[in-house]
Every structure is written in structure tokens, then in C-alpha cells.
Amino acid sequence: MALVEQVYRITARFPDAERFGLTSQMRRSAISVPSNIAEGAARRSRVELLRFLAIARGSLAELDTQLQIAVRLGMHDDPSNPGGLMDRTFARLNALIRSIEAKSSDAAGS
């Protein structure tokens, strides 16, 4: 959720001409991360949770690419902001996915 807030603050400073371009795309990617985590958790199935966590991770990768594009185009001047938060979110998502996968393989081996 903090990442979504940061993306909205950053994109609010983008040129008006980007309102339906990079601004919209970055906001959708950012919103997709917590939304897919929540939807996967609500499914009550490890397989479904893993699928939605993978989608969230993909959205995070999209957002990272879009932020790099914004920096290259001169619309954003600090690639570390929200880069640190994205890195931590990637790490947490990866750890959660590995943990769930390990539990799934432990249960299958039992």
C-alpha cells in the first residue's frame, strides 16, 4: 500500500500529456500488487495464492520498468525512490512464494 501511495505522489508531478500514458500505466501496475496479493489470499487455495502472488510479482516488475522509463524521459529524477520500497516488496514476495512452495512440497511428500 505504501508503494501505491508513493507512485501516486510521483505520477502526480508527471506532465498532463502523460495522464493516459505512463501515469495511468504506473498507477495500474502499483495498484495491481496489493490487489493480487489480497485476491490470492482470499481464494483459500495454495495453488491460487501462488498464482496471484506471481501476478503481483509481475506487476511489480512492470512498475520497475515503468519507473526506469520515467527516469530516462526526465519525468522522475530519483530512481531510488521508490526503488528501495520496490526492492523490499520483491524480496518479501519472493520469500512468501518460496515459503508457500516449501509447505506445498512438504505436504506432498508426507
PDB file of N, CA and C in Angstrom:
ATOM      1  N   MET A   1       0.825  -1.196   0.000  1.00  0.00           N
ATOM      2  CA  MET A   1       0.000   0.000   0.000  1.00  0.00           C
ATOM      3  C   MET A   1       0.873   1.266   0.000  1.00  0.00           C
ATOM      4  N   ALA A   2       1.980   1.226   0.732  1.00  0.00           N
ATOM      5  CA  ALA A   2       2.883   2.386   0.754  1.00  0.00           C
ATOM      6  C   ALA A   2       3.466   2.643  -0.633  1.00  0.00           C
ATOM      7  N   LEU A   3       3.721   1.572  -1.366  1.00  0.00           N
ATOM      8  CA  LEU A   3       4.244   1.716  -2.726  1.00  0.00           C
ATOM      9  C   LEU A   3       3.213   2.404  -3.624  1.00  0.00           C
ATOM     10  N   VAL A   4       1.955   2.045  -3.488  1.00  0.00           N
ATOM     11  CA  VAL A   4       0.889   2.683  -4.265  1.00  0.00           C
ATOM     12  C   VAL A   4       0.864   4.180  -3.952  1.00  0.00           C
ATOM     13  N   GLU A   5       0.942   4.513  -2.681  1.00  0.00           N
ATOM     14  CA  GLU A   5       0.933   5.923  -2.284  1.00  0.00           C
ATOM     15  C   GLU A   5       2.098   6.678  -2.911  1.00  0.00           C
ATOM     16  N   GLN A   6       3.286   6.068  -2.886  1.00  0.00           N
ATOM     17  CA  GLN A   6       4.457   6.727  -3.474  1.00  0.00           C
ATOM     18  C   GLN A   6       4.289   6.922  -4.970  1.00  0.00           C
ATOM     19  N   VAL A   7       3.785   5.913  -5.646  1.00  0.00           N
ATOM     20  CA  VAL A   7       3.599   6.009  -7.095  1.00  0.00           C
ATOM     21  C   VAL A   7       2.601   7.113  -7.435  1.00  0.00           C
ATOM     22  N   TYR A   8       1.531   7.215  -6.665  1.00  0.00           N
ATOM     23  CA  TYR A   8       0.561   8.286  -6.911  1.00  0.00           C
ATOM     24  C   TYR A   8       1.193   9.658  -6.700  1.00  0.00           C
ATOM     25  N   ARG A   9       2.031   9.802  -5.686  1.00  0.00           N
ATOM     26  CA  ARG A   9       2.696  11.089  -5.443  1.00  0.00           C
ATOM     27  C   ARG A   9       3.661  11.422  -6.581  1.00  0.00           C
ATOM     28  N   ILE A  10       4.418  10.431  -7.029  1.00  0.00           N
ATOM     29  CA  ILE A  10       5.385  10.643  -8.106  1.00  0.00           C
ATOM     30  C   ILE A  10       4.664  11.004  -9.400  1.00  0.00           C
ATOM     31  N   THR A  11       3.654  10.223  -9.758  1.00  0.00           N
ATOM     32  CA  THR A  11       2.979  10.443 -11.037  1.00  0.00           C
ATOM     33  C   THR A  11       2.128  11.712 -11.050  1.00  0.00           C
ATOM     34  N   ALA A  12       1.774  12.228  -9.889  1.00  0.00           N
ATOM     35  CA  ALA A  12       1.024  13.492  -9.829  1.00  0.00           C
ATOM     36  C   ALA A  12       1.862  14.641 -10.403  1.00  0.00           C
ATOM     37  N   ARG A  13       3.179  14.467 -10.406  1.00  0.00           N
ATOM     38  CA  ARG A  13       4.082  15.503 -10.927  1.00  0.00           C
ATOM     39  C   ARG A  13       4.409  15.306 -12.410  1.00  0.00           C
ATOM     40  N   PHE A  14       3.917  14.236 -13.022  1.00  0.00           N
ATOM     41  CA  PHE A  14       4.176  13.985 -14.440  1.00  0.00           C
ATOM     42  C   PHE A  14       3.407  15.002 -15.285  1.00  0.00           C
ATOM     43  N   PRO A  15       3.868  15.226 -16.507  1.00  0.00           N
ATOM     44  CA  PRO A  15       3.153  16.154 -17.399  1.00  0.00           C
ATOM     45  C   PRO A  15       1.715  15.695 -17.667  1.00  0.00           C
ATOM     46  N   ASP A  16       0.834  16.647 -17.866  1.00  0.00           N
ATOM     47  CA  ASP A  16      -0.570  16.330 -18.156  1.00  0.00           C
ATOM     48  C   ASP A  16      -0.702  15.439 -19.389  1.00  0.00           C
ATOM     49  N   ALA A  17       0.209  15.581 -20.325  1.00  0.00           N
ATOM     50  CA  ALA A  17       0.158  14.777 -21.554  1.00  0.00           C
ATOM     51  C   ALA A  17       0.345  13.283 -21.256  1.00  0.00           C
ATOM     52  N   GLU A  18       0.870  12.951 -20.100  1.00  0.00           N
ATOM     53  CA  GLU A  18       1.103  11.552 -19.728  1.00  0.00           C
ATOM     54  C   GLU A  18      -0.024  10.972 -18.877  1.00  0.00           C
ATOM     55  N   ARG A  19      -1.084  11.751 -18.674  1.00  0.00           N
ATOM     56  CA  ARG A  19      -2.168  11.295 -17.811  1.00  0.00           C
ATOM     57  C   ARG A  19      -2.740   9.950 -18.258  1.00  0.00           C
ATOM     58  N   PHE A  20      -2.877   9.738 -19.561  1.00  0.00           N
ATOM     59  CA  PHE A  20      -3.430   8.478 -20.058  1.00  0.00           C
ATOM     60  C   PHE A  20      -2.336   7.531 -20.535  1.00  0.00           C
ATOM     61  N   GLY A  21      -1.087   7.922 -20.362  1.00  0.00           N
ATOM     62  CA  GLY A  21       0.043   7.097 -20.771  1.00  0.00           C
ATOM     63  C   GLY A  21       0.746   6.487 -19.574  1.00  0.00           C
ATOM     64  N   LEU A  22       1.937   6.960 -19.334  1.00  0.00           N
ATOM     65  CA  LEU A  22       2.774   6.386 -18.286  1.00  0.00           C
ATOM     66  C   LEU A  22       2.164   6.561 -16.890  1.00  0.00           C
ATOM     67  N   THR A  23       1.524   7.680 -16.641  1.00  0.00           N
ATOM     68  CA  THR A  23       0.886   7.899 -15.337  1.00  0.00           C
ATOM     69  C   THR A  23      -0.135   6.807 -15.045  1.00  0.00           C
ATOM     70  N   SER A  24      -1.026   6.589 -15.988  1.00  0.00           N
ATOM     71  CA  SER A  24      -2.074   5.584 -15.813  1.00  0.00           C
ATOM     72  C   SER A  24      -1.481   4.187 -15.695  1.00  0.00           C
ATOM     73  N   GLN A  25      -0.508   3.883 -16.531  1.00  0.00           N
ATOM     74  CA  GLN A  25       0.093   2.552 -16.525  1.00  0.00           C
ATOM     75  C   GLN A  25       0.807   2.271 -15.203  1.00  0.00           C
ATOM     76  N   MET A  26       1.551   3.243 -14.704  1.00  0.00           N
ATOM     77  CA  MET A  26       2.270   3.055 -13.440  1.00  0.00           C
ATOM     78  C   MET A  26       1.301   2.895 -12.274  1.00  0.00           C
ATOM     79  N   ARG A  27       0.244   3.665 -12.282  1.00  0.00           N
ATOM     80  CA  ARG A  27      -0.738   3.556 -11.202  1.00  0.00           C
ATOM     81  C   ARG A  27      -1.436   2.207 -11.226  1.00  0.00           C
ATOM     82  N   ARG A  28      -1.786   1.725 -12.420  1.00  0.00           N
ATOM     83  CA  ARG A  28      -2.433   0.411 -12.525  1.00  0.00           C
ATOM     84  C   ARG A  28      -1.479  -0.694 -12.066  1.00  0.00           C
ATOM     85  N   SER A  29      -0.220  -0.614 -12.458  1.00  0.00           N
ATOM     86  CA  SER A  29       0.756  -1.621 -12.032  1.00  0.00           C
ATOM     87  C   SER A  29       0.910  -1.623 -10.520  1.00  0.00           C
ATOM     88  N   ALA A  30       1.014  -0.432  -9.938  1.00  0.00           N
ATOM     89  CA  ALA A  30       1.185  -0.324  -8.487  1.00  0.00           C
ATOM     90  C   ALA A  30      -0.026  -0.880  -7.747  1.00  0.00           C
ATOM     91  N   ILE A  31      -1.212  -0.524  -8.185  1.00  0.00           N
ATOM     92  CA  ILE A  31      -2.440  -0.990  -7.540  1.00  0.00           C
ATOM     93  C   ILE A  31      -2.591  -2.502  -7.675  1.00  0.00           C
ATOM     94  N   SER A  32      -2.104  -3.047  -8.764  1.00  0.00           N
ATOM     95  CA  SER A  32      -2.214  -4.475  -9.023  1.00  0.00           C
ATOM     96  C   SER A  32      -1.465  -5.321  -7.987  1.00  0.00           C
ATOM     97  N   VAL A  33      -0.388  -4.790  -7.444  1.00  0.00           N
ATOM     98  CA  VAL A  33       0.421  -5.574  -6.495  1.00  0.00           C
ATOM     99  C   VAL A  33      -0.390  -5.951  -5.247  1.00  0.00           C
ATOM    100  N   PRO A  34      -0.848  -4.992  -4.434  1.00  0.00           N
ATOM    101  CA  PRO A  34      -1.600  -5.399  -3.240  1.00  0.00           C
ATOM    102  C   PRO A  34      -2.947  -6.032  -3.578  1.00  0.00           C
ATOM    103  N   SER A  35      -3.537  -5.632  -4.702  1.00  0.00           N
ATOM    104  CA  SER A  35      -4.837  -6.205  -5.086  1.00  0.00           C
ATOM    105  C   SER A  35      -4.720  -7.698  -5.362  1.00  0.00           C
ATOM    106  N   ASN A  36      -3.675  -8.099  -6.079  1.00  0.00           N
ATOM    107  CA  ASN A  36      -3.497  -9.519  -6.384  1.00  0.00           C
ATOM    108  C   ASN A  36      -3.094 -10.321  -5.155  1.00  0.00           C
ATOM    109  N   ILE A  37      -2.336  -9.724  -4.267  1.00  0.00           N
ATOM    110  CA  ILE A  37      -1.999 -10.408  -3.015  1.00  0.00           C
ATOM    111  C   ILE A  37      -3.279 -10.668  -2.222  1.00  0.00           C
ATOM    112  N   ALA A  38      -4.121  -9.660  -2.122  1.00  0.00           N
ATOM    113  CA  ALA A  38      -5.374  -9.800  -1.381  1.00  0.00           C
ATOM    114  C   ALA A  38      -6.290 -10.830  -2.038  1.00  0.00           C
ATOM    115  N   GLU A  39      -6.401 -10.779  -3.357  1.00  0.00           N
ATOM    116  CA  GLU A  39      -7.286 -11.722  -4.034  1.00  0.00           C
ATOM    117  C   GLU A  39      -6.785 -13.151  -3.871  1.00  0.00           C
ATOM    118  N   GLY A  40      -5.479 -13.345  -3.997  1.00  0.00           N
ATOM    119  CA  GLY A  40      -4.921 -14.686  -3.827  1.00  0.00           C
ATOM    120  C   GLY A  40      -5.143 -15.219  -2.428  1.00  0.00           C
ATOM    121  N   ALA A  41      -4.987 -14.362  -1.431  1.00  0.00           N
ATOM    122  CA  ALA A  41      -5.189 -14.782  -0.041  1.00  0.00           C
ATOM    123  C   ALA A  41      -6.642 -15.155   0.219  1.00  0.00           C
ATOM    124  N   ALA A  42      -7.551 -14.490  -0.472  1.00  0.00           N
ATOM    125  CA  ALA A  42      -8.972 -14.760  -0.269  1.00  0.00           C
ATOM    126  C   ALA A  42      -9.439 -16.049  -0.949  1.00  0.00           C
ATOM    127  N   ARG A  43      -8.626 -16.602  -1.827  1.00  0.00           N
ATOM    128  CA  ARG A  43      -9.032 -17.790  -2.578  1.00  0.00           C
ATOM    129  C   ARG A  43      -8.993 -19.073  -1.748  1.00  0.00           C
ATOM    130  N   ARG A  44      -8.256 -19.090  -0.654  1.00  0.00           N
ATOM    131  CA  ARG A  44      -8.195 -20.251   0.249  1.00  0.00           C
ATOM    132  C   ARG A  44      -7.630 -21.504  -0.407  1.00  0.00           C
ATOM    133  N   SER A  45      -6.717 -21.306  -1.341  1.00  0.00           N
ATOM    134  CA  SER A  45      -6.059 -22.418  -2.006  1.00  0.00           C
ATOM    135  C   SER A  45      -4.602 -22.021  -2.230  1.00  0.00           C
ATOM    136  N   ARG A  46      -3.687 -22.902  -1.876  1.00  0.00           N
ATOM    137  CA  ARG A  46      -2.269 -22.593  -2.072  1.00  0.00           C
ATOM    138  C   ARG A  46      -1.946 -22.361  -3.540  1.00  0.00           C
ATOM    139  N   VAL A  47      -2.516 -23.175  -4.398  1.00  0.00           N
ATOM    140  CA  VAL A  47      -2.261 -23.042  -5.837  1.00  0.00           C
ATOM    141  C   VAL A  47      -2.725 -21.670  -6.331  1.00  0.00           C
ATOM    142  N   GLU A  48      -3.919 -21.285  -5.933  1.00  0.00           N
ATOM    143  CA  GLU A  48      -4.454 -19.980  -6.334  1.00  0.00           C
ATOM    144  C   GLU A  48      -3.631 -18.848  -5.723  1.00  0.00           C
ATOM    145  N   LEU A  49      -3.276 -18.981  -4.453  1.00  0.00           N
ATOM    146  CA  LEU A  49      -2.455 -17.952  -3.803  1.00  0.00           C
ATOM    147  C   LEU A  49      -1.144 -17.780  -4.551  1.00  0.00           C
ATOM    148  N   LEU A  50      -0.482 -18.873  -4.877  1.00  0.00           N
ATOM    149  CA  LEU A  50       0.784 -18.791  -5.610  1.00  0.00           C
ATOM    150  C   LEU A  50       0.593 -18.118  -6.972  1.00  0.00           C
ATOM    151  N   ARG A  51      -0.494 -18.448  -7.632  1.00  0.00           N
ATOM    152  CA  ARG A  51      -0.760 -17.843  -8.943  1.00  0.00           C
ATOM    153  C   ARG A  51      -0.915 -16.329  -8.819  1.00  0.00           C
ATOM    154  N   PHE A  52      -1.677 -15.877  -7.835  1.00  0.00           N
ATOM    155  CA  PHE A  52      -1.882 -14.441  -7.668  1.00  0.00           C
ATOM    156  C   PHE A  52      -0.639 -13.739  -7.137  1.00  0.00           C
ATOM    157  N   LEU A  53       0.176 -14.406  -6.336  1.00  0.00           N
ATOM    158  CA  LEU A  53       1.444 -13.813  -5.896  1.00  0.00           C
ATOM    159  C   LEU A  53       2.381 -13.645  -7.086  1.00  0.00           C
ATOM    160  N   ALA A  54       2.365 -14.595  -8.004  1.00  0.00           N
ATOM    161  CA  ALA A  54       3.192 -14.484  -9.211  1.00  0.00           C
ATOM    162  C   ALA A  54       2.722 -13.312 -10.076  1.00  0.00           C
ATOM    163  N   ILE A  55       1.415 -13.118 -10.149  1.00  0.00           N
ATOM    164  CA  ILE A  55       0.879 -11.977 -10.898  1.00  0.00           C
ATOM    165  C   ILE A  55       1.309 -10.674 -10.228  1.00  0.00           C
ATOM    166  N   ALA A  56       1.253 -10.620  -8.907  1.00  0.00           N
ATOM    167  CA  ALA A  56       1.678  -9.425  -8.171  1.00  0.00           C
ATOM    168  C   ALA A  56       3.153  -9.136  -8.438  1.00  0.00           C
ATOM    169  N   ARG A  57       3.971 -10.187  -8.459  1.00  0.00           N
ATOM    170  CA  ARG A  57       5.405 -10.020  -8.727  1.00  0.00           C
ATOM    171  C   ARG A  57       5.613  -9.496 -10.149  1.00  0.00           C
ATOM    172  N   GLY A  58       4.815  -9.981 -11.090  1.00  0.00           N
ATOM    173  CA  GLY A  58       4.902  -9.482 -12.460  1.00  0.00           C
ATOM    174  C   GLY A  58       4.529  -8.013 -12.555  1.00  0.00           C
ATOM    175  N   SER A  59       3.510  -7.612 -11.835  1.00  0.00           N
ATOM    176  CA  SER A  59       3.107  -6.205 -11.814  1.00  0.00           C
ATOM    177  C   SER A  59       4.200  -5.335 -11.215  1.00  0.00           C
ATOM    178  N   LEU A  60       4.876  -5.854 -10.218  1.00  0.00           N
ATOM    179  CA  LEU A  60       5.980  -5.122  -9.605  1.00  0.00           C
ATOM    180  C   LEU A  60       7.127  -4.957 -10.596  1.00  0.00           C
ATOM    181  N   ALA A  61       7.398  -5.989 -11.380  1.00  0.00           N
ATOM    182  CA  ALA A  61       8.434  -5.897 -12.412  1.00  0.00           C
ATOM    183  C   ALA A  61       8.046  -4.857 -13.471  1.00  0.00           C
ATOM    184  N   GLU A  62       6.762  -4.834 -13.851  1.00  0.00           N
ATOM    185  CA  GLU A  62       6.275  -3.822 -14.787  1.00  0.00           C
ATOM    186  C   GLU A  62       6.500  -2.425 -14.226  1.00  0.00           C
ATOM    187  N   LEU A  63       6.144  -2.240 -12.972  1.00  0.00           N
ATOM    188  CA  LEU A  63       6.296  -0.936 -12.334  1.00  0.00           C
ATOM    189  C   LEU A  63       7.761  -0.511 -12.312  1.00  0.00           C
ATOM    190  N   ASP A  64       8.645  -1.433 -12.029  1.00  0.00           N
ATOM    191  CA  ASP A  64      10.076  -1.135 -12.019  1.00  0.00           C
ATOM    192  C   ASP A  64      10.522  -0.639 -13.402  1.00  0.00           C
ATOM    193  N   THR A  65      10.087  -1.316 -14.441  1.00  0.00           N
ATOM    194  CA  THR A  65      10.428  -0.911 -15.801  1.00  0.00           C
ATOM    195  C   THR A  65       9.853   0.460 -16.121  1.00  0.00           C
ATOM    196  N   GLN A  66       8.613   0.695 -15.735  1.00  0.00           N
ATOM    197  CA  GLN A  66       7.969   1.981 -15.998  1.00  0.00           C
ATOM    198  C   GLN A  66       8.666   3.116 -15.254  1.00  0.00           C
ATOM    199  N   LEU A  67       9.122   2.843 -14.042  1.00  0.00           N
ATOM    200  CA  LEU A  67       9.860   3.860 -13.295  1.00  0.00           C
ATOM    201  C   LEU A  67      11.174   4.185 -13.998  1.00  0.00           C
ATOM    202  N   GLN A  68      11.854   3.170 -14.502  1.00  0.00           N
ATOM    203  CA  GLN A  68      13.100   3.404 -15.247  1.00  0.00           C
ATOM    204  C   GLN A  68      12.838   4.236 -16.500  1.00  0.00           C
ATOM    205  N   ILE A  69      11.724   3.974 -17.180  1.00  0.00           N
ATOM    206  CA  ILE A  69      11.349   4.770 -18.351  1.00  0.00           C
ATOM    207  C   ILE A  69      11.116   6.225 -17.954  1.00  0.00           C
ATOM    208  N   ALA A  70      10.402   6.429 -16.847  1.00  0.00           N
ATOM    209  CA  ALA A  70      10.134   7.795 -16.369  1.00  0.00           C
ATOM    210  C   ALA A  70      11.436   8.527 -16.064  1.00  0.00           C
ATOM    211  N   VAL A  71      12.399   7.834 -15.478  1.00  0.00           N
ATOM    212  CA  VAL A  71      13.697   8.445 -15.178  1.00  0.00           C
ATOM    213  C   VAL A  71      14.404   8.810 -16.487  1.00  0.00           C
ATOM    214  N   ARG A  72      14.419   7.882 -17.436  1.00  0.00           N
ATOM    215  CA  ARG A  72      15.094   8.128 -18.724  1.00  0.00           C
ATOM    216  C   ARG A  72      14.469   9.293 -19.490  1.00  0.00           C
ATOM    217  N   LEU A  73      13.159   9.458 -19.346  1.00  0.00           N
ATOM    218  CA  LEU A  73      12.467  10.552 -20.038  1.00  0.00           C
ATOM    219  C   LEU A  73      12.516  11.865 -19.261  1.00  0.00           C
ATOM    220  N   GLY A  74      13.144  11.846 -18.093  1.00  0.00           N
ATOM    221  CA  GLY A  74      13.290  13.063 -17.305  1.00  0.00           C
ATOM    222  C   GLY A  74      12.043  13.461 -16.533  1.00  0.00           C
ATOM    223  N   MET A  75      11.110  12.530 -16.371  1.00  0.00           N
ATOM    224  CA  MET A  75       9.887  12.829 -15.617  1.00  0.00           C
ATOM    225  C   MET A  75      10.056  12.567 -14.130  1.00  0.00           C
ATOM    226  N   HIS A  76      11.078  11.807 -13.788  1.00  0.00           N
ATOM    227  CA  HIS A  76      11.353  11.482 -12.385  1.00  0.00           C
ATOM    228  C   HIS A  76      12.859  11.467 -12.228  1.00  0.00           C
ATOM    229  N   ASP A  77      13.349  12.127 -11.200  1.00  0.00           N
ATOM    230  CA  ASP A  77      14.800  12.282 -11.093  1.00  0.00           C
ATOM    231  C   ASP A  77      15.465  11.427 -10.023  1.00  0.00           C
ATOM    232  N   ASP A  78      14.714  10.648  -9.295  1.00  0.00           N
ATOM    233  CA  ASP A  78      15.306   9.845  -8.222  1.00  0.00           C
ATOM    234  C   ASP A  78      14.917   8.379  -8.380  1.00  0.00           C
ATOM    235  N   PRO A  79      15.746   7.591  -9.125  1.00  0.00           N
ATOM    236  CA  PRO A  79      15.383   6.191  -9.346  1.00  0.00           C
ATOM    237  C   PRO A  79      15.377   5.350  -8.070  1.00  0.00           C
ATOM    238  N   SER A  80      16.000   5.830  -7.007  1.00  0.00           N
ATOM    239  CA  SER A  80      15.986   5.070  -5.748  1.00  0.00           C
ATOM    240  C   SER A  80      14.662   5.251  -5.008  1.00  0.00           C
ATOM    241  N   ASN A  81      13.862   6.210  -5.441  1.00  0.00           N
ATOM    242  CA  ASN A  81      12.577   6.480  -4.805  1.00  0.00           C
ATOM    243  C   ASN A  81      11.490   6.196  -5.810  1.00  0.00           C
ATOM    244  N   PRO A  82      10.737   5.184  -5.741  1.00  0.00           N
ATOM    245  CA  PRO A  82      10.520   4.220  -4.671  1.00  0.00           C
ATOM    246  C   PRO A  82      11.296   2.909  -4.845  1.00  0.00           C
ATOM    247  N   GLY A  83      12.472   2.972  -5.450  1.00  0.00           N
ATOM    248  CA  GLY A  83      13.254   1.770  -5.704  1.00  0.00           C
ATOM    249  C   GLY A  83      13.508   0.904  -4.488  1.00  0.00           C
ATOM    250  N   GLY A  84      13.839   1.502  -3.357  1.00  0.00           N
ATOM    251  CA  GLY A  84      14.089   0.732  -2.136  1.00  0.00           C
ATOM    252  C   GLY A  84      12.852  -0.011  -1.675  1.00  0.00           C
ATOM    253  N   LEU A  85      11.728   0.652  -1.768  1.00  0.00           N
ATOM    254  CA  LEU A  85      10.468   0.022  -1.366  1.00  0.00           C
ATOM    255  C   LEU A  85      10.110  -1.108  -2.337  1.00  0.00           C
ATOM    256  N   MET A  86      10.383  -0.903  -3.622  1.00  0.00           N
ATOM    257  CA  MET A  86      10.120  -1.980  -4.593  1.00  0.00           C
ATOM    258  C   MET A  86      11.032  -3.169  -4.329  1.00  0.00           C
ATOM    259  N   ASP A  87      12.303  -2.905  -4.026  1.00  0.00           N
ATOM    260  CA  ASP A  87      13.235  -3.994  -3.730  1.00  0.00           C
ATOM    261  C   ASP A  87      12.773  -4.804  -2.522  1.00  0.00           C
ATOM    262  N   ARG A  88      12.341  -4.119  -1.478  1.00  0.00           N
ATOM    263  CA  ARG A  88      11.858  -4.815  -0.284  1.00  0.00           C
ATOM    264  C   ARG A  88      10.590  -5.610  -0.589  1.00  0.00           C
ATOM    265  N   THR A  89       9.719  -5.040  -1.410  1.00  0.00           N
ATOM    266  CA  THR A  89       8.484  -5.736  -1.769  1.00  0.00           C
ATOM    267  C   THR A  89       8.799  -6.974  -2.600  1.00  0.00           C
ATOM    268  N   PHE A  90       9.731  -6.862  -3.560  1.00  0.00           N
ATOM    269  CA  PHE A  90      10.175  -8.029  -4.331  1.00  0.00           C
ATOM    270  C   PHE A  90      10.687  -9.116  -3.397  1.00  0.00           C
ATOM    271  N   ALA A  91      11.547  -8.716  -2.465  1.00  0.00           N
ATOM    272  CA  ALA A  91      12.146  -9.688  -1.543  1.00  0.00           C
ATOM    273  C   ALA A  91      11.076 -10.371  -0.693  1.00  0.00           C
ATOM    274  N   ARG A  92      10.132  -9.598  -0.198  1.00  0.00           N
ATOM    275  CA  ARG A  92       9.060 -10.171   0.634  1.00  0.00           C
ATOM    276  C   ARG A  92       8.165 -11.110  -0.174  1.00  0.00           C
ATOM    277  N   LEU A  93       7.834 -10.704  -1.388  1.00  0.00           N
ATOM    278  CA  LEU A  93       7.012 -11.562  -2.242  1.00  0.00           C
ATOM    279  C   LEU A  93       7.737 -12.868  -2.556  1.00  0.00           C
ATOM    280  N   ASN A  94       9.008 -12.758  -2.911  1.00  0.00           N
ATOM    281  CA  ASN A  94       9.791 -13.959  -3.220  1.00  0.00           C
ATOM    282  C   ASN A  94       9.886 -14.879  -2.011  1.00  0.00           C
ATOM    283  N   ALA A  95      10.106 -14.307  -0.835  1.00  0.00           N
ATOM    284  CA  ALA A  95      10.190 -15.119   0.383  1.00  0.00           C
ATOM    285  C   ALA A  95       8.856 -15.795   0.675  1.00  0.00           C
ATOM    286  N   LEU A  96       7.757 -15.086   0.489  1.00  0.00           N
ATOM    287  CA  LEU A  96       6.437 -15.656   0.718  1.00  0.00           C
ATOM    288  C   LEU A  96       6.167 -16.792  -0.274  1.00  0.00           C
ATOM    289  N   ILE A  97       6.502 -16.567  -1.527  1.00  0.00           N
ATOM    290  CA  ILE A  97       6.302 -17.605  -2.545  1.00  0.00           C
ATOM    291  C   ILE A  97       7.126 -18.839  -2.215  1.00  0.00           C
ATOM    292  N   ARG A  98       8.396 -18.647  -1.871  1.00  0.00           N
ATOM    293  CA  ARG A  98       9.254 -19.792  -1.512  1.00  0.00           C
ATOM    294  C   ARG A  98       8.714 -20.535  -0.303  1.00  0.00           C
ATOM    295  N   SER A  99       8.224 -19.815   0.681  1.00  0.00           N
ATOM    296  CA  SER A  99       7.682 -20.433   1.883  1.00  0.00           C
ATOM    297  C   SER A  99       6.451 -21.280   1.560  1.00  0.00           C
ATOM    298  N   ILE A 100       5.566 -20.742   0.753  1.00  0.00           N
ATOM    299  CA  ILE A 100       4.351 -21.478   0.382  1.00  0.00           C
ATOM    300  C   ILE A 100       4.704 -22.690  -0.467  1.00  0.00           C
ATOM    301  N   GLU A 101       5.638 -22.516  -1.390  1.00  0.00           N
ATOM    302  CA  GLU A 101       6.071 -23.639  -2.222  1.00  0.00           C
ATOM    303  C   GLU A 101       6.709 -24.732  -1.376  1.00  0.00           C
ATOM    304  N   ALA A 102       7.484 -24.339  -0.377  1.00  0.00           N
ATOM    305  CA  ALA A 102       8.118 -25.330   0.508  1.00  0.00           C
ATOM    306  C   ALA A 102       7.071 -26.081   1.308  1.00  0.00           C
ATOM    307  N   LYS A 103       6.056 -25.384   1.809  1.00  0.00           N
ATOM    308  CA  LYS A 103       4.985 -26.046   2.537  1.00  0.00           C
ATOM    309  C   LYS A 103       4.211 -26.992   1.631  1.00  0.00           C
ATOM    310  N   SER A 104       4.029 -26.584   0.372  1.00  0.00           N
ATOM    311  CA  SER A 104       3.316 -27.440  -0.580  1.00  0.00           C
ATOM    312  C   SER A 104       4.097 -28.706  -0.864  1.00  0.00           C
ATOM    313  N   SER A 105       5.424 -28.568  -1.013  1.00  0.00           N
ATOM    314  CA  SER A 105       6.225 -29.764  -1.302  1.00  0.00           C
ATOM    315  C   SER A 105       6.361 -30.642  -0.054  1.00  0.00           C
ATOM    316  N   ASP A 106       6.375 -30.032   1.142  1.00  0.00           N
ATOM    317  CA  ASP A 106       6.398 -30.811   2.389  1.00  0.00           C
ATOM    318  C   ASP A 106       5.108 -31.611   2.528  1.00  0.00           C
ATOM    319  N   ALA A 107       3.992 -30.976   2.207  1.00  0.00           N
ATOM    320  CA  ALA A 107       2.684 -31.657   2.316  1.00  0.00           C
ATOM    321  C   ALA A 107       2.561 -32.767   1.289  1.00  0.00           C
ATOM    322  N   ALA A 108       3.129 -32.546   0.102  1.00  0.00           N
ATOM    323  CA  ALA A 108       3.059 -33.576  -0.936  1.00  0.00           C
ATOM    324  C   ALA A 108       3.946 -34.773  -0.605  1.00  0.00           C
ATOM    325  N   GLY A 109       5.044 -34.499   0.115  1.00  0.00           N
ATOM    326  CA  GLY A 109       5.966 -35.573   0.473  1.00  0.00           C
ATOM    327  C   GLY A 109       5.523 -36.384   1.665  1.00  0.00           C
ATOM    328  N   SER A 110       4.532 -35.906   2.375  1.00  0.00           N
ATOM    329  CA  SER A 110       4.067 -36.591   3.585  1.00  0.00           C
ATOM    330  C   SER A 110       3.201 -37.793   3.276  1.00  0.00           C
TER     331      SER A 110
END
